Amino acid sequence: MFTPKRASRIGSRLSLGSPRQSPAGTGSNTTVPVQIFELLKSGQVGGNVLNCGFACVTGNDTIYCWKISQRNTVYQLPTPFGCNCQAVNFAIVGASACFISPTGIGRFWPSINTPTQWLDFQVTLDAGDTVQRVHSDVNKIGAVTKRGCLYTITVTNDVVNVHTHRLPDSRGLVSRVSSIFWSSAVPREKVALSTLSGEIFFVAINGQIYGWSVNGSTGTLKCVIPISSVLDDETDEIISLSGNDKYLGIVSKYGEKMKILTFLATDFGSSDVNPSGKAVNLNYDENAVLVMPYLSEVAVVSAGRIWLGCDAEMERLDEVVCFGAFDGRVCVISTRGMKLLNTVQKLDTETMSETMLGKETSREELSTMGSIQSLEQMSESENPKKRLQAAFLQHSRGNINEAEQLLATVGDLNSAAIQLSLSFKIAYRLKSSKIEKK
């Protein structure tokens, strides 16, 4: 299954990157490390926005990764010699990192702080199959192939273990399930779409969506759902699959346009699941990609444009290298640098008082930091007034499930509402007095 090797130690041909910052970007561009800025300008690199607050670009048999919020250090990780170095095949978990080439050659770094110490391994693929993408969260690493096979990675005592989770035999479970829900012929085989959402690996291929729950070396097939059962018409098809730590999202063909469906990941496959659907005023594009920056909030990148939650909010994208989610926003990395974009669902802090946002700080700081952190802090507060604030904000963002859950914890709504109202009045009077003094 795998061929572990001793941790290699070689002279550093690639040391840690310069802590300097690149020139300040224009408009809403943000800075990236100067080394990354130079690589992006070359137009010869691939990239990926990882789900752990990091981003990476690839080039010259090396993966260059940095923490988006800091940008003062670039970690340079050398990949196995001669491998096709694709950024979507790289993942970071905690302080560790993992790369698996399309042909199954793998490398695991126990710490990105020591990039010249690693464990090499081999994933044994079926004939003609290739690794399509590597996913990770806080405690899982999984590689999905173009045919939909899932390989998960664990490391014990400096030995990398590869665990194989194959799709059910087409003559067994899959054929029995599909015959119940749809009578049309199984569509032609396409490359698998996959994502990791709510600790479940979702794989869409051959008319089915498979959900794998993995614990260590053990994988359980949590669900097998015919794609036709979640779409509006049997002629529609899934274009993109995405998710975050709570929600699963699907972009599908919807006539000549596209549609977004979002599900609670843990509920997907249950008989009483009630997805949220939204039509997108973008022409059908088989290469469209869904981004889910926070809970059920969504954006779609298609044909050089990004749809940010409503038809009126469309931004043109040029020379894009990669995009993904970071801190509740859409992170776009291009040859010009990096931009962080808000979805329409994300509240504009310019229209909210500091009291409502739970912050006693300047609007400049609010704009820089965003409101996600304060929102999470309010949600976990012991003060019912704070939880009511959080419920209001979640409802304003369109996260109805979270708003209802928070309301259920408030208790005496009348009392909490009175306290919140008093806070608003005090904040308004203070603001008015400051304006009069000016």
Protein backbone atom coordinates (compact mmCIF):
# COMPACT_ATOMS: atom_id res chain seq x y z
CA MET A 1 0.00 0.00 0.00
CA PHE A 2 2.80 2.41 0.87
CA THR A 3 6.57 2.50 1.03
CA PRO A 4 7.69 4.63 3.97
CA LYS A 5 11.23 5.95 4.02
CA ARG A 6 13.32 7.48 6.75
CA ALA A 7 12.96 11.18 7.29
CA SER A 8 15.34 12.79 4.82
CA ARG A 9 17.72 15.51 5.86
CA ILE A 10 19.50 17.44 3.14
CA GLY A 11 21.34 20.70 2.92
CA SER A 12 18.85 23.52 2.56
CA ARG A 13 18.72 24.39 -1.11
CA LEU A 14 15.69 26.53 -0.26
CA SER A 15 15.64 28.41 3.02
CA LEU A 16 12.84 30.34 4.67
CA GLY A 17 11.67 33.25 2.58
CA SER A 18 12.31 36.90 3.20
CA PRO A 19 10.13 38.59 5.83
CA ARG A 20 9.86 41.69 3.63
CA GLN A 21 6.47 42.74 2.32
CA SER A 22 5.60 43.30 -1.30
CA PRO A 23 4.69 46.77 -2.54
CA ALA A 24 1.31 47.87 -1.29
CA GLY A 25 -1.45 46.85 -3.64
CA THR A 26 -3.85 49.29 -5.20
CA GLY A 27 -7.55 49.46 -4.45
CA SER A 28 -8.65 46.51 -2.34
CA ASN A 29 -5.50 44.51 -3.11
CA THR A 30 -3.63 43.31 -0.04
CA THR A 31 0.06 42.68 0.30
CA VAL A 32 1.73 39.31 -0.07
CA PRO A 33 5.33 38.43 0.77
CA VAL A 34 7.69 39.97 -1.76
CA GLN A 35 8.93 36.54 -2.84
CA ILE A 36 5.37 35.45 -3.61
CA PHE A 37 4.70 38.75 -5.39
CA GLU A 38 7.65 38.11 -7.74
CA LEU A 39 6.52 34.54 -8.41
CA LEU A 40 2.98 35.69 -9.18
CA LYS A 41 4.22 38.33 -11.59
CA SER A 42 5.98 35.64 -13.62
CA GLY A 43 2.62 34.06 -14.46
CA GLN A 44 4.29 30.63 -14.36
CA VAL A 45 2.94 29.34 -11.04
CA GLY A 46 -0.12 27.47 -9.80
CA GLY A 47 -1.77 28.27 -6.50
CA ASN A 48 -4.28 27.27 -3.86
CA VAL A 49 -6.01 28.94 -0.92
CA LEU A 50 -5.97 26.36 1.87
CA ASN A 51 -8.69 25.99 4.48
CA CYS A 52 -6.36 26.54 7.42
CA GLY A 53 -5.52 30.21 6.86
CA PHE A 54 -2.61 29.48 4.53
CA ALA A 55 -2.13 29.97 0.81
CA CYS A 56 0.47 28.45 -1.50
CA VAL A 57 1.94 28.74 -4.96
CA THR A 58 4.01 26.11 -6.76
CA GLY A 59 6.96 26.34 -9.11
CA ASN A 60 10.45 24.90 -9.68
CA ASP A 61 9.64 21.64 -7.82
CA THR A 62 8.87 23.71 -4.73
CA ILE A 63 5.77 24.62 -2.75
CA TYR A 64 5.86 28.15 -1.34
CA CYS A 65 3.29 28.65 1.42
CA TRP A 66 2.55 31.48 3.81
CA LYS A 67 0.01 32.46 6.44
CA ILE A 68 -2.40 34.92 4.83
CA SER A 69 -2.92 36.98 8.00
CA GLN A 70 0.79 37.44 8.68
CA ARG A 71 2.68 37.39 5.37
CA ASN A 72 6.05 37.76 7.10
CA THR A 73 7.44 34.28 6.43
CA VAL A 74 7.42 32.05 3.37
CA TYR A 75 7.92 28.32 3.93
CA GLN A 76 9.61 26.60 1.00
CA LEU A 77 8.94 22.89 0.79
CA PRO A 78 10.82 20.87 -1.86
CA THR A 79 8.64 18.27 -3.59
CA PRO A 80 9.86 14.83 -4.78
CA PHE A 81 12.14 15.19 -7.79
CA GLY A 82 10.39 15.15 -11.15
CA CYS A 83 6.84 15.22 -9.73
CA ASN A 84 4.04 17.21 -11.28
CA CYS A 85 3.78 19.84 -8.55
CA GLN A 86 0.11 20.81 -8.40
CA ALA A 87 -1.03 23.19 -5.66
CA VAL A 88 -4.43 21.49 -5.22
CA ASN A 89 -2.55 18.33 -4.19
CA PHE A 90 -1.02 20.04 -1.14
CA ALA A 91 -2.52 20.40 2.34
CA ILE A 92 -1.54 21.76 5.75
CA VAL A 93 -2.75 20.27 9.04
CA GLY A 94 -1.65 22.15 12.13
CA ALA A 95 2.13 22.58 11.81
CA SER A 96 2.44 19.66 9.36
CA ALA A 97 2.05 19.48 5.59
CA CYS A 98 1.40 16.80 2.98
CA PHE A 99 1.80 16.61 -0.80
CA ILE A 100 0.66 13.77 -3.09
CA SER A 101 1.46 13.95 -6.78
CA PRO A 102 -1.09 12.89 -9.44
CA THR A 103 0.82 9.60 -9.79
CA GLY A 104 0.71 8.87 -6.04
CA ILE A 105 4.21 9.92 -4.95
CA GLY A 106 3.78 11.45 -1.51
CA ARG A 107 5.76 13.54 0.93
CA PHE A 108 4.84 14.43 4.52
CA TRP A 109 6.56 17.19 6.50
CA PRO A 110 6.10 16.73 10.29
CA SER A 111 6.73 20.47 10.64
CA ILE A 112 6.75 23.20 7.99
CA ASN A 113 9.32 24.96 10.20
CA THR A 114 11.83 22.27 9.21
CA PRO A 115 11.15 21.95 5.47
CA THR A 116 14.22 19.76 4.81
CA GLN A 117 12.97 16.95 7.07
CA TRP A 118 10.26 14.78 5.60
CA LEU A 119 8.77 11.30 5.21
CA ASP A 120 8.32 9.96 1.69
CA PHE A 121 5.59 7.44 0.84
CA GLN A 122 3.72 5.94 -2.11
CA VAL A 123 -0.01 5.69 -2.75
CA THR A 124 -0.72 2.63 -4.89
CA LEU A 125 -3.28 3.72 -7.46
CA ASP A 126 -5.41 1.58 -9.75
CA ALA A 127 -4.19 1.36 -13.33
CA GLY A 128 -5.04 4.55 -15.23
CA ASP A 129 -6.19 6.45 -12.11
CA THR A 130 -4.63 9.68 -10.84
CA VAL A 131 -4.90 11.79 -7.68
CA GLN A 132 -7.21 14.71 -8.44
CA ARG A 133 -7.14 16.70 -5.19
CA VAL A 134 -5.98 16.57 -1.56
CA HIS A 135 -8.29 17.78 1.24
CA SER A 136 -7.61 18.45 4.91
CA ASP A 137 -9.10 19.86 8.11
CA VAL A 138 -7.77 20.06 11.67
CA ASN A 139 -7.18 16.30 11.96
CA LYS A 140 -7.71 14.66 8.54
CA ILE A 141 -5.88 14.35 5.24
CA GLY A 142 -7.53 12.68 2.26
CA ALA A 143 -6.71 12.37 -1.44
CA VAL A 144 -9.48 11.78 -4.01
CA THR A 145 -8.72 10.32 -7.44
CA LYS A 146 -10.38 11.13 -10.75
CA ARG A 147 -12.35 7.86 -10.46
CA GLY A 148 -13.59 8.71 -6.97
CA CYS A 149 -11.38 6.52 -4.78
CA LEU A 150 -10.51 8.06 -1.40
CA TYR A 151 -7.11 7.56 0.23
CA THR A 152 -6.69 8.89 3.78
CA ILE A 153 -3.34 9.52 5.42
CA THR A 154 -2.28 8.90 9.01
CA VAL A 155 1.19 9.13 10.55
CA THR A 156 2.32 6.99 13.49
CA ASN A 157 5.86 6.85 14.87
CA ASP A 158 7.33 8.52 11.78
CA VAL A 159 5.61 6.06 9.45
CA VAL A 160 3.06 7.32 6.92
CA ASN A 161 0.06 5.00 6.52
CA VAL A 162 -2.25 5.09 3.50
CA HIS A 163 -5.82 3.79 3.91
CA THR A 164 -7.93 2.98 0.85
CA HIS A 165 -11.70 3.61 0.71
CA ARG A 166 -13.17 2.39 -2.57
CA LEU A 167 -16.58 3.11 -4.01
CA PRO A 168 -19.10 0.29 -3.72
CA ASP A 169 -19.16 -2.21 -6.57
CA SER A 170 -21.36 -0.86 -9.35
CA ARG A 171 -23.22 -4.18 -9.40
CA GLY A 172 -24.09 -3.84 -5.71
CA LEU A 173 -25.16 -0.90 -3.59
CA VAL A 174 -24.90 1.79 -6.24
CA SER A 175 -27.03 0.02 -8.82
CA ARG A 176 -29.67 -0.89 -6.24
CA VAL A 177 -29.94 2.68 -4.93
CA SER A 178 -29.99 4.28 -8.36
CA SER A 179 -32.70 1.96 -9.63
CA ILE A 180 -35.01 3.20 -6.87
CA PHE A 181 -34.63 6.90 -7.63
CA TRP A 182 -34.14 7.21 -11.36
CA SER A 183 -34.85 5.18 -14.42
CA SER A 184 -32.70 7.02 -16.95
CA ALA A 185 -29.36 5.60 -18.00
CA VAL A 186 -26.33 6.28 -15.77
CA PRO A 187 -24.47 9.27 -17.23
CA ARG A 188 -21.09 8.81 -18.85
CA GLU A 189 -18.16 8.72 -16.46
CA LYS A 190 -16.73 12.11 -15.55
CA VAL A 191 -13.85 13.13 -13.31
CA ALA A 192 -14.90 13.03 -9.66
CA LEU A 193 -15.78 16.22 -7.79
CA SER A 194 -14.92 16.21 -4.10
CA THR A 195 -14.78 18.26 -0.92
CA LEU A 196 -14.30 17.84 2.84
CA SER A 197 -17.19 19.31 4.81
CA GLY A 198 -18.23 18.82 8.42
CA GLU A 199 -15.52 16.13 8.76
CA ILE A 200 -17.13 14.13 5.93
CA PHE A 201 -15.43 13.49 2.58
CA PHE A 202 -17.99 13.99 -0.19
CA VAL A 203 -17.32 12.52 -3.64
CA ALA A 204 -19.62 13.07 -6.63
CA ILE A 205 -19.21 10.75 -9.61
CA ASN A 206 -21.28 8.60 -11.96
CA GLY A 207 -24.66 9.96 -10.89
CA GLN A 208 -24.07 9.54 -7.13
CA ILE A 209 -22.81 11.57 -4.18
CA TYR A 210 -20.90 9.48 -1.64
CA GLY A 211 -20.25 10.65 1.93
CA TRP A 212 -17.31 9.04 3.78
CA SER A 213 -16.94 9.36 7.55
CA VAL A 214 -13.34 8.46 8.41
CA ASN A 215 -11.83 7.80 11.83
CA GLY A 216 -8.19 6.77 11.71
CA SER A 217 -7.89 3.81 9.36
CA THR A 218 -11.62 3.08 9.39
CA GLY A 219 -13.93 4.57 6.77
CA THR A 220 -17.73 4.31 6.88
CA LEU A 221 -19.88 5.12 3.87
CA LYS A 222 -22.35 7.44 5.57
CA CYS A 223 -24.54 8.04 2.52
CA VAL A 224 -24.99 7.27 -1.16
CA ILE A 225 -27.37 9.77 -2.76
CA PRO A 226 -28.41 9.85 -6.43
CA ILE A 227 -27.51 13.24 -7.83
CA SER A 228 -30.87 13.37 -9.60
CA SER A 229 -32.67 13.34 -6.25
CA VAL A 230 -31.19 16.71 -5.20
CA LEU A 231 -31.45 18.49 -8.57
CA ASP A 232 -34.50 20.06 -10.21
CA ASP A 233 -34.42 18.19 -13.50
CA GLU A 234 -32.88 14.95 -14.72
CA THR A 235 -31.07 16.90 -17.46
CA ASP A 236 -29.30 19.07 -14.86
CA GLU A 237 -25.87 18.12 -13.58
CA ILE A 238 -23.46 19.01 -10.79
CA ILE A 239 -20.79 21.51 -11.83
CA SER A 240 -18.98 22.19 -8.56
CA LEU A 241 -18.86 20.77 -5.04
CA SER A 242 -17.59 22.77 -2.07
CA GLY A 243 -17.97 23.07 1.69
CA ASN A 244 -16.71 24.36 5.00
CA ASP A 245 -16.71 22.98 8.52
CA LYS A 246 -20.51 23.00 8.70
CA TYR A 247 -22.13 23.28 5.25
CA LEU A 248 -21.96 21.41 1.96
CA GLY A 249 -22.60 23.37 -1.24
CA ILE A 250 -23.44 22.34 -4.80
CA VAL A 251 -23.50 24.36 -8.03
CA SER A 252 -25.64 22.71 -10.69
CA LYS A 253 -26.81 23.35 -14.21
CA TYR A 254 -30.28 24.98 -14.05
CA GLY A 255 -31.65 25.17 -17.56
CA GLU A 256 -29.33 27.61 -19.33
CA LYS A 257 -28.26 29.14 -15.99
CA MET A 258 -26.84 27.80 -12.72
CA LYS A 259 -28.21 27.15 -9.24
CA ILE A 260 -26.66 26.85 -5.78
CA LEU A 261 -27.86 24.37 -3.16
CA THR A 262 -26.56 24.37 0.42
CA PHE A 263 -27.02 21.65 3.05
CA LEU A 264 -25.95 21.06 6.61
CA ALA A 265 -23.19 18.53 5.99
CA THR A 266 -24.24 16.30 8.87
CA ASP A 267 -27.84 16.18 7.56
CA PHE A 268 -27.02 15.43 3.95
CA GLY A 269 -28.58 12.13 2.95
CA SER A 270 -31.29 12.14 5.60
CA SER A 271 -34.91 11.86 4.48
CA ASP A 272 -35.96 15.20 6.04
CA VAL A 273 -33.10 17.29 4.64
CA ASN A 274 -34.28 20.72 3.51
CA PRO A 275 -31.67 22.37 1.25
CA SER A 276 -31.49 26.10 0.65
CA GLY A 277 -31.56 26.92 -3.08
CA LYS A 278 -30.66 30.07 -4.99
CA ALA A 279 -30.59 30.68 -8.75
CA VAL A 280 -27.52 32.46 -10.13
CA ASN A 281 -27.80 34.88 -13.03
CA LEU A 282 -24.76 33.41 -14.76
CA ASN A 283 -24.84 31.43 -17.96
CA TYR A 284 -24.11 27.74 -17.62
CA ASP A 285 -20.36 27.15 -17.30
CA GLU A 286 -19.04 23.65 -16.76
CA ASN A 287 -15.89 25.12 -15.18
CA ALA A 288 -17.69 27.29 -12.59
CA VAL A 289 -16.41 26.93 -9.02
CA LEU A 290 -18.27 27.43 -5.72
CA VAL A 291 -16.63 29.16 -2.73
CA MET A 292 -18.17 29.01 0.77
CA PRO A 293 -16.41 31.60 2.94
CA TYR A 294 -18.62 31.30 6.04
CA LEU A 295 -21.46 28.93 6.96
CA SER A 296 -24.06 28.96 4.14
CA GLU A 297 -22.71 32.15 2.52
CA VAL A 298 -21.60 31.55 -1.07
CA ALA A 299 -19.82 32.97 -4.11
CA VAL A 300 -19.39 31.56 -7.62
CA VAL A 301 -16.42 32.11 -9.90
CA SER A 302 -17.29 31.70 -13.58
CA ALA A 303 -15.83 32.85 -16.89
CA GLY A 304 -13.61 35.55 -15.40
CA ARG A 305 -16.30 36.96 -13.11
CA ILE A 306 -17.24 36.37 -9.48
CA TRP A 307 -20.85 36.37 -8.29
CA LEU A 308 -20.91 37.53 -4.67
CA GLY A 309 -24.39 36.60 -3.52
CA CYS A 310 -26.75 38.62 -5.70
CA ASP A 311 -27.01 39.44 -9.39
CA ALA A 312 -26.17 43.10 -8.78
CA GLU A 313 -22.87 42.17 -7.13
CA MET A 314 -20.57 40.91 -9.88
CA GLU A 315 -16.86 41.63 -10.04
CA ARG A 316 -14.50 41.10 -12.95
CA LEU A 317 -11.46 38.93 -12.27
CA ASP A 318 -8.28 39.17 -14.35
CA GLU A 319 -5.20 36.94 -14.43
CA VAL A 320 -6.44 34.79 -11.54
CA VAL A 321 -4.05 32.18 -10.14
CA CYS A 322 -6.38 30.74 -7.48
CA PHE A 323 -9.18 31.60 -5.08
CA GLY A 324 -10.79 30.24 -1.92
CA ALA A 325 -12.12 31.20 1.49
CA PHE A 326 -10.34 33.10 4.25
CA ASP A 327 -11.75 34.69 7.42
CA GLY A 328 -15.32 34.79 6.13
CA ARG A 329 -14.32 36.39 2.82
CA VAL A 330 -13.40 35.26 -0.69
CA CYS A 331 -9.63 35.34 -1.19
CA VAL A 332 -8.54 35.90 -4.81
CA ILE A 333 -4.85 35.59 -5.73
CA SER A 334 -3.83 36.92 -9.14
CA THR A 335 -0.63 37.92 -10.88
CA ARG A 336 -1.15 41.35 -9.29
CA GLY A 337 -1.36 40.19 -5.70
CA MET A 338 -4.25 39.27 -3.44
CA LYS A 339 -7.76 40.65 -2.85
CA LEU A 340 -10.26 39.84 -0.12
CA LEU A 341 -13.88 40.21 -1.24
CA ASN A 342 -17.02 40.26 0.87
CA THR A 343 -20.10 38.36 -0.18
CA VAL A 344 -23.40 40.25 -0.18
CA GLN A 345 -24.45 38.20 2.82
CA LYS A 346 -21.50 39.56 4.80
CA LEU A 347 -22.58 42.69 6.64
CA ASP A 348 -21.05 45.97 5.58
CA THR A 349 -19.54 47.30 8.82
CA GLU A 350 -20.09 50.83 7.58
CA THR A 351 -23.84 50.36 8.13
CA MET A 352 -23.54 48.79 11.59
CA SER A 353 -22.90 50.45 14.93
CA GLU A 354 -20.00 49.34 17.12
CA THR A 355 -22.60 48.27 19.68
CA MET A 356 -24.31 45.88 17.28
CA LEU A 357 -20.97 44.44 16.19
CA GLY A 358 -19.90 44.02 19.79
CA LYS A 359 -16.77 46.08 19.30
CA GLU A 360 -15.65 49.33 20.87
CA THR A 361 -13.16 50.25 18.20
CA SER A 362 -12.72 52.39 15.12
CA ARG A 363 -14.42 51.65 11.82
CA GLU A 364 -10.99 51.33 10.21
CA GLU A 365 -10.16 48.48 12.58
CA LEU A 366 -13.57 46.89 11.94
CA SER A 367 -12.98 47.02 8.21
CA THR A 368 -9.58 45.39 8.61
CA MET A 369 -10.52 42.69 11.10
CA GLY A 370 -14.03 41.86 9.93
CA SER A 371 -16.84 40.85 12.25
CA ILE A 372 -16.52 37.04 12.16
CA GLN A 373 -14.39 36.81 15.30
CA SER A 374 -16.67 39.10 17.33
CA LEU A 375 -19.73 37.27 16.03
CA GLU A 376 -18.36 33.94 17.23
CA GLN A 377 -17.44 35.45 20.60
CA MET A 378 -20.96 36.86 21.03
CA SER A 379 -22.46 33.47 20.10
CA GLU A 380 -20.52 31.81 22.92
CA SER A 381 -21.12 34.56 25.50
CA GLU A 382 -22.87 33.77 28.80
CA ASN A 383 -24.75 37.05 28.46
CA PRO A 384 -28.21 36.49 26.82
CA LYS A 385 -28.06 40.03 25.36
CA LYS A 386 -24.87 39.14 23.47
CA ARG A 387 -26.40 35.94 22.13
CA LEU A 388 -29.44 37.92 20.96
CA GLN A 389 -27.07 40.30 19.16
CA ALA A 390 -25.41 37.33 17.50
CA ALA A 391 -28.80 35.90 16.48
CA PHE A 392 -29.75 39.20 14.86
CA LEU A 393 -26.46 39.38 12.95
CA GLN A 394 -26.66 35.77 11.77
CA HIS A 395 -30.21 36.35 10.54
CA SER A 396 -29.05 39.52 8.73
CA ARG A 397 -26.33 37.49 7.00
CA GLY A 398 -28.88 34.92 5.85
CA ASN A 399 -27.74 32.21 8.27
CA ILE A 400 -31.24 31.36 9.48
CA ASN A 401 -30.41 28.01 11.12
CA GLU A 402 -27.73 29.58 13.30
CA ALA A 403 -30.02 32.49 14.21
CA GLU A 404 -32.78 30.13 15.34
CA GLN A 405 -30.35 28.03 17.37
CA LEU A 406 -29.05 31.13 19.15
CA LEU A 407 -32.56 32.44 19.88
CA ALA A 408 -33.38 29.14 21.55
CA THR A 409 -30.54 29.77 24.07
CA VAL A 410 -31.52 33.33 24.99
CA GLY A 411 -34.24 32.42 27.48
CA ASP A 412 -36.23 35.54 28.42
CA LEU A 413 -36.38 37.30 25.04
CA ASN A 414 -38.19 40.35 26.41
CA SER A 415 -35.51 41.02 29.01
CA ALA A 416 -32.64 40.48 26.55
CA ALA A 417 -34.34 42.69 23.94
CA ILE A 418 -34.79 45.52 26.48
CA GLN A 419 -31.09 45.34 27.45
CA LEU A 420 -30.05 45.35 23.79
CA SER A 421 -32.33 48.30 23.06
CA LEU A 422 -30.82 50.27 25.95
CA SER A 423 -27.34 49.55 24.59
CA PHE A 424 -28.38 50.95 21.20
CA LYS A 425 -29.84 54.09 22.80
CA ILE A 426 -26.68 54.74 24.82
CA ALA A 427 -24.50 54.19 21.74
CA TYR A 428 -26.70 56.52 19.68
CA ARG A 429 -26.58 59.28 22.31
CA LEU A 430 -22.81 59.04 22.62
CA LYS A 431 -22.42 59.22 18.85
CA SER A 432 -24.81 62.20 18.63
CA SER A 433 -22.95 64.10 21.34
CA LYS A 434 -19.65 63.56 19.52
CA ILE A 435 -21.15 64.92 16.29
CA GLU A 436 -22.52 68.03 18.11
CA LYS A 437 -19.12 68.76 19.64
CA LYS A 438 -17.60 68.76 16.17
